[in-house]
Amino acid sequence: MQKLGFLAAVAALPLLAPSVSAQQYDYDWSGPYLGINAGQGHDAEFDLDAALEVDGSTTFFPGVLAGGTFPTLRTFEGDGTVGGIQAGYNWQSGMIVLGGEVDVQLSEISSSISIPNAPGGAVNNPDGFTDLNFEVDYFTTARARAGIALDRILLYATGGVAYGRVDFDRNYRVGAGEVTDSASSNLTGWTYGAGAEWGLTDAWTVRAEYARVDLGDGNFDTSYSDGTIGRATIDTRFDVIRAGVNYRF
């Protein structure tokens, strides 16, 4: 709720411009810029809806599991560092600043877990384990920005589309045996956020920004050598808090 309140307050700032239009500021935010950023992804959620369809003639899983389907419906949480570059353009009219920005981020946002006796449970698979690993490999966004300039301080809201790749690794262990597979999916979703930027000089600015990124869901289906099929759908979303530096041309 605090995040939503912060975003709503920043988004409403341009509406306050007429009441302070008498203020005169010299700093001009117009023009292109290029910069770098780094931060932390947190509150990541990987919603997994999966099923392992064990082949009836499997030679890997215990015979009692042959021909069975074993579902998993769980949410896994994670975090990790992010960093990348951004480029954009601002147009300023009075105190109102409008613009557009794209950014590309490398990501280590991930979550890992080991589930004992899966699939099948302790009775049917007492020596079994399932290791799962989720990771956002990278993401990029294209966003509009709208804000209010108070001389060298720019307060803004931002929102647009997001695109990224999620990796999903599965490792099944039964006794001394092991089967591993990896799958990736390129996903398209949306993002919104808010931030504050400060003009250090006419050319250099620094910023702090919060963003919510939702990459939507993707399919991660694989086949194993014994004929078993793993089906999975993963819905990925996370928060990002980052700081950045821009050079204005």
Protein backbone atom coordinates (compact mmCIF):
# COMPACT_ATOMS: atom_id res chain seq x y z
CA MET A 1 0.00 0.00 0.00
CA GLN A 2 2.87 2.39 0.72
CA LYS A 3 4.26 1.78 -2.78
CA LEU A 4 0.90 2.49 -4.37
CA GLY A 5 0.51 5.67 -2.33
CA PHE A 6 3.96 6.87 -3.38
CA LEU A 7 3.22 6.17 -7.04
CA ALA A 8 -0.14 7.94 -6.87
CA ALA A 9 1.41 10.99 -5.26
CA VAL A 10 4.15 11.26 -7.88
CA ALA A 11 1.71 10.68 -10.73
CA ALA A 12 -0.47 13.53 -9.45
CA LEU A 13 2.37 16.04 -9.28
CA PRO A 14 1.89 17.40 -12.82
CA LEU A 15 -1.64 18.39 -11.81
CA LEU A 16 -0.19 20.72 -9.21
CA ALA A 17 1.79 22.70 -11.77
CA PRO A 18 -0.84 25.45 -12.36
CA SER A 19 -0.86 26.32 -8.65
CA VAL A 20 2.88 26.95 -8.67
CA SER A 21 3.25 28.30 -12.21
CA ALA A 22 4.44 31.62 -10.85
CA GLN A 23 7.70 29.97 -9.90
CA GLN A 24 10.52 30.56 -12.39
CA TYR A 25 13.35 28.08 -12.76
CA ASP A 26 16.42 28.16 -14.98
CA TYR A 27 17.30 24.47 -15.31
CA ASP A 28 16.17 22.96 -18.64
CA TRP A 29 15.48 19.21 -18.75
CA SER A 30 14.89 19.08 -22.52
CA GLY A 31 17.04 16.89 -24.74
CA PRO A 32 18.51 13.41 -25.06
CA TYR A 33 20.42 11.51 -22.38
CA LEU A 34 22.30 8.25 -21.86
CA GLY A 35 23.18 6.60 -18.57
CA ILE A 36 23.85 3.57 -16.40
CA ASN A 37 22.06 2.15 -13.39
CA ALA A 38 22.34 -0.53 -10.73
CA GLY A 39 20.04 -1.78 -8.02
CA GLN A 40 18.23 -4.65 -6.39
CA GLY A 41 15.32 -6.77 -7.50
CA HIS A 42 13.19 -7.93 -4.59
CA ASP A 43 9.77 -9.37 -3.76
CA ALA A 44 10.13 -11.53 -6.87
CA GLU A 45 7.40 -14.12 -7.29
CA PHE A 46 7.59 -17.12 -9.61
CA ASP A 47 4.14 -18.73 -9.75
CA LEU A 48 4.67 -22.32 -10.89
CA ASP A 49 1.85 -24.42 -12.34
CA ALA A 50 3.52 -27.66 -13.40
CA ALA A 51 2.94 -31.36 -13.89
CA LEU A 52 5.32 -34.24 -14.44
CA GLU A 53 3.74 -36.83 -16.73
CA VAL A 54 5.73 -40.03 -16.07
CA ASP A 55 5.92 -42.42 -18.99
CA GLY A 56 4.33 -45.78 -18.38
CA SER A 57 7.51 -47.63 -19.31
CA THR A 58 9.92 -45.35 -17.43
CA THR A 59 13.29 -46.79 -16.51
CA PHE A 60 14.26 -43.89 -14.30
CA PHE A 61 11.44 -43.22 -11.84
CA PRO A 62 10.25 -45.92 -9.40
CA GLY A 63 7.85 -48.32 -11.09
CA VAL A 64 5.04 -47.32 -8.74
CA LEU A 65 5.11 -43.85 -10.38
CA ALA A 66 4.92 -45.16 -13.96
CA GLY A 67 2.03 -43.71 -15.93
CA GLY A 68 1.21 -41.16 -13.25
CA THR A 69 0.82 -37.37 -13.40
CA PHE A 70 2.20 -35.33 -10.52
CA PRO A 71 1.14 -31.66 -10.31
CA THR A 72 2.91 -28.79 -8.55
CA LEU A 73 1.17 -25.49 -7.86
CA ARG A 74 3.33 -23.20 -5.75
CA THR A 75 4.79 -19.69 -5.55
CA PHE A 76 8.53 -19.28 -5.06
CA GLU A 77 10.06 -16.01 -3.86
CA GLY A 78 13.45 -14.56 -4.74
CA ASP A 79 15.65 -11.51 -5.19
CA GLY A 80 18.94 -10.46 -6.80
CA THR A 81 20.95 -7.60 -8.23
CA VAL A 82 20.20 -5.80 -11.50
CA GLY A 83 22.20 -3.38 -13.61
CA GLY A 84 22.16 -1.90 -17.06
CA ILE A 85 21.90 1.13 -19.30
CA GLN A 86 19.14 3.57 -20.19
CA ALA A 87 18.57 6.16 -22.90
CA GLY A 88 15.80 8.67 -23.37
CA TYR A 89 14.57 12.08 -24.39
CA ASN A 90 12.77 14.83 -22.45
CA TRP A 91 10.52 17.63 -23.62
CA GLN A 92 9.92 20.47 -21.14
CA SER A 93 7.16 23.05 -21.23
CA GLY A 94 7.08 25.28 -18.18
CA MET A 95 7.27 22.94 -15.21
CA ILE A 96 5.89 19.95 -17.11
CA VAL A 97 8.41 17.39 -18.40
CA LEU A 98 7.32 14.62 -20.77
CA GLY A 99 9.59 12.00 -22.21
CA GLY A 100 10.34 8.49 -23.30
CA GLU A 101 12.97 6.03 -22.13
CA VAL A 102 14.26 2.54 -22.92
CA ASP A 103 16.51 0.47 -20.69
CA VAL A 104 18.25 -2.91 -20.85
CA GLN A 105 19.01 -4.74 -17.60
CA LEU A 106 21.11 -7.76 -16.78
CA SER A 107 19.59 -9.59 -13.84
CA GLU A 108 20.46 -12.07 -11.12
CA ILE A 109 16.93 -12.20 -9.71
CA SER A 110 16.43 -15.86 -8.86
CA SER A 111 14.92 -18.44 -6.56
CA SER A 112 16.03 -22.00 -5.83
CA ILE A 113 14.43 -24.79 -3.82
CA SER A 114 14.84 -28.51 -3.24
CA ILE A 115 11.64 -30.53 -2.67
CA PRO A 116 12.24 -33.87 -0.90
CA ASN A 117 10.48 -37.07 -2.06
CA ALA A 118 9.20 -35.41 -5.24
CA PRO A 119 7.60 -36.62 -7.34
CA GLY A 120 5.40 -39.19 -5.65
CA GLY A 121 5.85 -38.49 -1.95
CA ALA A 122 7.82 -40.17 0.82
CA VAL A 123 6.07 -43.55 0.48
CA ASN A 124 6.50 -43.95 -3.28
CA ASN A 125 9.78 -42.07 -3.72
CA PRO A 126 11.64 -42.12 -0.39
CA ASP A 127 15.06 -41.34 -1.93
CA GLY A 128 13.84 -38.77 -4.43
CA PHE A 129 14.42 -35.04 -4.67
CA THR A 130 13.37 -32.34 -7.11
CA ASP A 131 15.58 -29.26 -7.42
CA LEU A 132 14.02 -26.21 -9.03
CA ASN A 133 15.77 -23.00 -10.05
CA PHE A 134 14.14 -19.88 -11.49
CA GLU A 135 16.11 -16.90 -12.84
CA VAL A 136 15.36 -13.67 -14.70
CA ASP A 137 18.28 -13.59 -17.14
CA TYR A 138 17.63 -10.08 -18.47
CA PHE A 139 14.78 -7.65 -19.07
CA THR A 140 14.22 -4.49 -21.03
CA THR A 141 11.51 -1.84 -20.86
CA ALA A 142 10.18 0.94 -23.08
CA ARG A 143 8.36 3.57 -21.06
CA ALA A 144 6.73 6.98 -21.17
CA ARG A 145 7.63 9.47 -18.43
CA ALA A 146 5.64 12.42 -17.09
CA GLY A 147 6.75 14.68 -14.29
CA ILE A 148 7.11 18.09 -12.76
CA ALA A 149 10.38 20.01 -12.65
CA LEU A 150 11.32 22.05 -9.62
CA ASP A 151 14.44 23.62 -11.10
CA ARG A 152 17.15 20.93 -10.72
CA ILE A 153 14.75 18.38 -9.19
CA LEU A 154 12.52 16.26 -11.44
CA LEU A 155 9.77 14.11 -9.92
CA TYR A 156 8.18 11.72 -12.37
CA ALA A 157 5.93 8.73 -12.95
CA THR A 158 6.68 6.18 -15.65
CA GLY A 159 5.06 3.19 -17.30
CA GLY A 160 5.16 1.02 -20.40
CA VAL A 161 5.97 -2.43 -21.75
CA ALA A 162 8.53 -4.93 -20.47
CA TYR A 163 10.28 -7.82 -22.21
CA GLY A 164 12.62 -10.36 -20.69
CA ARG A 165 13.86 -13.93 -20.49
CA VAL A 166 13.20 -16.35 -17.65
CA ASP A 167 15.27 -19.53 -17.21
CA PHE A 168 13.86 -22.62 -15.48
CA ASP A 169 16.08 -25.52 -14.43
CA ARG A 170 14.74 -28.85 -13.11
CA ASN A 171 16.83 -31.60 -11.59
CA TYR A 172 15.19 -34.90 -10.58
CA ARG A 173 17.18 -37.24 -8.34
CA VAL A 174 16.07 -40.77 -7.55
CA GLY A 175 18.56 -42.84 -5.57
CA ALA A 176 21.83 -42.63 -7.47
CA GLY A 177 20.13 -41.50 -10.69
CA GLU A 178 19.76 -37.95 -11.91
CA VAL A 179 17.92 -36.25 -14.78
CA THR A 180 18.40 -32.56 -15.52
CA ASP A 181 16.81 -30.20 -18.01
CA SER A 182 16.83 -26.48 -18.66
CA ALA A 183 14.32 -24.35 -20.52
CA SER A 184 13.97 -20.63 -21.25
CA SER A 185 11.08 -18.45 -22.32
CA ASN A 186 11.03 -14.91 -23.69
CA LEU A 187 8.13 -13.02 -22.11
CA THR A 188 6.33 -9.74 -22.71
CA GLY A 189 4.50 -7.83 -19.99
CA TRP A 190 4.29 -4.38 -18.46
CA THR A 191 5.96 -2.09 -15.97
CA TYR A 192 5.19 1.05 -13.96
CA GLY A 193 7.07 3.10 -11.44
CA ALA A 194 8.18 6.48 -10.17
CA GLY A 195 11.38 8.30 -9.40
CA ALA A 196 13.27 11.46 -8.62
CA GLU A 197 16.16 12.94 -10.59
CA TRP A 198 18.56 15.72 -9.65
CA GLY A 199 20.62 17.85 -12.02
CA LEU A 200 24.17 17.95 -10.67
CA THR A 201 25.35 20.07 -13.60
CA ASP A 202 23.92 21.02 -16.98
CA ALA A 203 25.26 17.72 -18.33
CA TRP A 204 25.11 15.25 -15.42
CA THR A 205 22.12 14.02 -13.41
CA VAL A 206 21.58 11.35 -10.77
CA ARG A 207 18.36 9.50 -10.03
CA ALA A 208 16.59 7.02 -7.77
CA GLU A 209 13.72 4.94 -9.12
CA TYR A 210 11.22 2.28 -8.11
CA ALA A 211 9.68 -0.01 -10.75
CA ARG A 212 7.21 -2.87 -10.73
CA VAL A 213 7.83 -5.36 -13.53
CA ASP A 214 5.39 -8.09 -14.56
CA LEU A 215 6.67 -10.33 -17.36
CA GLY A 216 3.49 -12.41 -17.51
CA ASP A 217 3.57 -16.16 -17.94
CA GLY A 218 5.49 -18.50 -20.20
CA ASN A 219 5.54 -22.22 -20.99
CA PHE A 220 8.52 -24.43 -20.15
CA ASP A 221 7.79 -27.90 -21.54
CA THR A 222 10.48 -30.56 -21.94
CA SER A 223 10.77 -34.28 -22.72
CA TYR A 224 13.13 -36.69 -20.97
CA SER A 225 15.02 -39.60 -22.46
CA ASP A 226 12.72 -42.16 -20.84
CA GLY A 227 9.62 -40.59 -22.42
CA THR A 228 8.53 -38.64 -19.34
CA ILE A 229 7.23 -35.13 -20.08
CA GLY A 230 7.55 -32.09 -17.84
CA ARG A 231 5.03 -29.33 -18.38
CA ALA A 232 5.24 -25.97 -16.62
CA THR A 233 3.79 -22.48 -16.76
CA ILE A 234 5.58 -19.76 -14.79
CA ASP A 235 4.19 -16.29 -14.05
CA THR A 236 7.03 -13.90 -13.15
CA ARG A 237 6.86 -10.49 -11.44
CA PHE A 238 9.18 -8.46 -9.23
CA ASP A 239 10.05 -5.03 -7.83
CA VAL A 240 13.21 -3.09 -8.65
CA ILE A 241 14.82 -0.26 -6.69
CA ARG A 242 17.77 1.26 -8.54
CA ALA A 243 20.00 4.32 -8.73
CA GLY A 244 21.45 5.77 -11.91
CA VAL A 245 23.61 8.42 -13.52
CA ASN A 246 22.75 10.15 -16.80
CA TYR A 247 24.75 12.28 -19.22
CA ARG A 248 22.66 14.87 -21.08
CA PHE A 249 23.66 15.90 -24.59
